[in-house]
Amino acid sequence: MRTRPLVLYVTLVAFGVAAGFFAASRVMAGGNGPGSAADPLVSQSYVDEQVATYVASLQQRVSDLTAQEAQLEQALAKVQKQQGITPIQPAQTSTPSQPVQATVSDQLYIKTDNSYVNLRQGPGTSYPLLGTATRGNPDSEPMTVLAESGGWYQVRLPDARTGWVAGWLVEERS
């Protein structure tokens, strides 16, 4: 009579080990195991997504600060005028290089120093970001010039998007 509980015990243990083995293999196959495509430590797409999100937030912050700077300069000029003070001109920042001299319908390309350029709603960094154009991408280059304003070019990309790009970040090619 003692063999029956022992056989039952051994059977239950064997069944438990087998069930654990199959369940563990199923969990590991569908999980984020080290080295898997879903592992954020090795997934390039995860890194690219995180970098793109961070860069977008920085670009938005720069845009916000540029707009705030313009508002503060206008407020300062107004106060200086009210007080009869000769306005102090803000320090001029140097442009990295001169804008390309393009005309309507010219073809522009992103300079080789840059991997992308921002596409904006208007001619300046204070305008909202519409997206980016990437150097070497057939959906982004060549850009066709539609208009020019203050060193910025309104362009149409091959994928039909339109927006404004900084003239000092693009070039004509022969």
Protein backbone atom coordinates (compact mmCIF):
# COMPACT_ATOMS: atom_id res chain seq x y z
CA MET A 1 0.00 0.00 0.00
CA ARG A 2 2.95 2.35 0.46
CA THR A 3 3.93 2.08 -3.21
CA ARG A 4 0.76 3.73 -4.40
CA PRO A 5 1.45 7.14 -2.73
CA LEU A 6 5.09 6.93 -3.90
CA VAL A 7 4.06 6.27 -7.51
CA LEU A 8 1.54 9.10 -7.30
CA TYR A 9 4.21 11.43 -5.87
CA VAL A 10 6.78 10.50 -8.57
CA THR A 11 4.14 10.92 -11.29
CA LEU A 12 3.18 14.36 -10.01
CA VAL A 13 6.82 15.46 -9.79
CA ALA A 14 7.53 14.19 -13.30
CA PHE A 15 4.43 15.91 -14.62
CA GLY A 16 5.42 19.18 -12.86
CA VAL A 17 8.97 19.08 -14.27
CA ALA A 18 7.66 18.41 -17.79
CA ALA A 19 5.07 21.18 -17.53
CA GLY A 20 7.71 23.60 -16.22
CA PHE A 21 10.10 22.72 -19.05
CA PHE A 22 7.47 23.30 -21.75
CA ALA A 23 6.14 26.47 -20.16
CA ALA A 24 9.65 27.90 -19.73
CA SER A 25 10.59 27.24 -23.35
CA ARG A 26 7.38 28.88 -24.52
CA VAL A 27 7.95 31.96 -22.32
CA MET A 28 11.57 32.35 -23.46
CA ALA A 29 10.68 31.99 -27.15
CA GLY A 30 8.20 34.84 -26.98
CA GLY A 31 10.02 37.12 -24.56
CA ASN A 32 12.69 39.80 -24.63
CA GLY A 33 15.62 37.48 -24.11
CA PRO A 34 19.10 38.97 -24.39
CA GLY A 35 20.14 39.26 -28.02
CA SER A 36 16.62 38.96 -29.41
CA ALA A 37 15.25 41.48 -31.88
CA ALA A 38 13.02 42.87 -29.11
CA ASP A 39 15.92 43.38 -26.69
CA PRO A 40 16.24 47.18 -26.39
CA LEU A 41 19.94 46.88 -25.63
CA VAL A 42 20.75 45.52 -29.08
CA SER A 43 17.87 46.67 -31.26
CA GLN A 44 19.04 49.40 -33.66
CA SER A 45 15.45 50.44 -34.35
CA TYR A 46 14.90 51.02 -30.63
CA VAL A 47 18.02 53.20 -30.42
CA ASP A 48 17.06 55.09 -33.60
CA GLU A 49 13.57 55.70 -32.25
CA GLN A 50 14.89 57.00 -28.93
CA VAL A 51 17.44 59.29 -30.64
CA ALA A 52 14.80 60.62 -33.08
CA THR A 53 12.43 61.37 -30.20
CA TYR A 54 15.17 63.17 -28.26
CA VAL A 55 16.34 65.15 -31.31
CA ALA A 56 12.75 66.15 -32.11
CA SER A 57 12.26 67.39 -28.55
CA LEU A 58 15.50 69.38 -28.76
CA GLN A 59 14.51 70.87 -32.11
CA GLN A 60 11.16 71.90 -30.67
CA ARG A 61 12.91 73.44 -27.66
CA VAL A 62 15.27 75.42 -29.93
CA SER A 63 12.29 76.59 -31.96
CA ASP A 64 10.44 77.64 -28.80
CA LEU A 65 13.49 79.48 -27.45
CA THR A 66 14.05 81.26 -30.76
CA ALA A 67 10.45 82.46 -30.75
CA GLN A 68 10.78 83.54 -27.12
CA GLU A 69 14.00 85.41 -27.97
CA ALA A 70 12.22 87.35 -30.73
CA GLN A 71 9.38 88.26 -28.35
CA LEU A 72 11.81 89.42 -25.68
CA GLU A 73 13.77 91.52 -28.19
CA GLN A 74 10.52 93.18 -29.32
CA ALA A 75 9.50 93.84 -25.71
CA LEU A 76 12.94 95.29 -24.93
CA ALA A 77 12.84 97.56 -27.98
CA LYS A 78 9.38 98.79 -26.93
CA VAL A 79 10.54 99.57 -23.38
CA GLN A 80 13.69 101.28 -24.67
CA LYS A 81 11.58 103.43 -27.00
CA GLN A 82 9.16 104.34 -24.17
CA GLN A 83 12.09 105.35 -21.94
CA GLY A 84 13.82 107.31 -24.71
CA ILE A 85 16.82 105.01 -24.63
CA THR A 86 18.74 104.37 -27.80
CA PRO A 87 18.05 100.71 -28.61
CA ILE A 88 20.98 98.39 -28.18
CA GLN A 89 21.34 96.07 -31.12
CA PRO A 90 21.48 92.39 -30.19
CA ALA A 91 24.71 90.59 -30.89
CA GLN A 92 24.77 89.26 -34.41
CA THR A 93 25.27 85.56 -34.67
CA SER A 94 27.32 84.35 -37.57
CA THR A 95 25.71 82.11 -40.12
CA PRO A 96 27.72 78.90 -40.71
CA SER A 97 28.07 79.77 -44.41
CA GLN A 98 26.41 81.96 -46.97
CA PRO A 99 23.09 80.77 -48.36
CA VAL A 100 23.14 79.34 -51.84
CA GLN A 101 21.87 81.79 -54.48
CA ALA A 102 19.09 79.74 -56.05
CA THR A 103 16.17 80.84 -58.18
CA VAL A 104 12.70 79.39 -58.66
CA SER A 105 12.78 75.90 -60.24
CA ASP A 106 16.46 75.31 -59.37
CA GLN A 107 17.31 71.92 -57.88
CA LEU A 108 18.86 71.88 -54.38
CA TYR A 109 20.63 69.12 -52.46
CA ILE A 110 21.54 68.81 -48.80
CA LYS A 111 25.19 69.72 -48.19
CA THR A 112 27.47 66.78 -47.51
CA ASP A 113 28.24 68.13 -44.01
CA ASN A 114 24.63 67.40 -43.02
CA SER A 115 22.69 64.14 -42.96
CA TYR A 116 19.33 65.95 -42.98
CA VAL A 117 17.68 69.37 -42.97
CA ASN A 118 14.55 70.50 -41.19
CA LEU A 119 11.48 71.24 -43.26
CA ARG A 120 9.53 74.15 -41.71
CA GLN A 121 6.19 75.89 -42.24
CA GLY A 122 7.85 79.22 -42.93
CA PRO A 123 11.21 80.90 -43.60
CA GLY A 124 12.84 80.76 -40.17
CA THR A 125 13.54 78.62 -37.12
CA SER A 126 10.57 80.13 -35.30
CA TYR A 127 8.18 78.35 -37.65
CA PRO A 128 6.87 74.90 -36.71
CA LEU A 129 8.78 71.86 -37.90
CA LEU A 130 6.98 69.87 -40.59
CA GLY A 131 9.54 67.08 -40.81
CA THR A 132 12.97 66.44 -42.24
CA ALA A 133 14.57 65.80 -45.61
CA THR A 134 17.38 63.23 -45.56
CA ARG A 135 20.53 63.48 -47.71
CA GLY A 136 20.66 60.77 -50.35
CA ASN A 137 17.01 59.75 -49.91
CA PRO A 138 15.17 59.74 -53.27
CA ASP A 139 12.03 60.98 -51.48
CA SER A 140 13.99 64.03 -50.24
CA GLU A 141 16.37 65.03 -53.05
CA PRO A 142 16.56 66.90 -55.31
CA MET A 143 14.40 69.68 -53.88
CA THR A 144 12.76 72.08 -56.34
CA VAL A 145 12.84 75.76 -55.33
CA LEU A 146 9.39 77.38 -55.24
CA ALA A 147 10.28 80.68 -53.53
CA GLU A 148 13.02 82.46 -51.53
CA SER A 149 12.81 84.66 -48.46
CA GLY A 150 15.70 85.94 -46.37
CA GLY A 151 18.09 83.09 -47.13
CA TRP A 152 15.36 80.44 -46.78
CA TYR A 153 13.93 78.44 -49.65
CA GLN A 154 10.44 77.10 -50.05
CA VAL A 155 10.94 73.74 -51.73
CA ARG A 156 8.98 70.79 -53.08
CA LEU A 157 10.48 67.37 -52.39
CA PRO A 158 10.17 64.42 -54.79
CA ASP A 159 7.59 62.86 -52.43
CA ALA A 160 5.41 66.00 -52.96
CA ARG A 161 5.98 67.49 -49.47
CA THR A 162 6.60 71.23 -49.41
CA GLY A 163 8.24 73.40 -46.79
CA TRP A 164 11.05 75.83 -46.08
CA VAL A 165 14.74 74.95 -45.66
CA ALA A 166 17.68 77.08 -44.55
CA GLY A 167 19.73 78.21 -47.56
CA TRP A 168 23.06 77.65 -45.81
CA LEU A 169 22.33 73.93 -45.42
CA VAL A 170 21.67 73.22 -49.10
CA GLU A 171 23.59 73.55 -52.37
CA GLU A 172 23.20 73.36 -56.11
CA ARG A 173 25.11 70.66 -57.97
CA SER A 174 26.24 70.69 -61.56
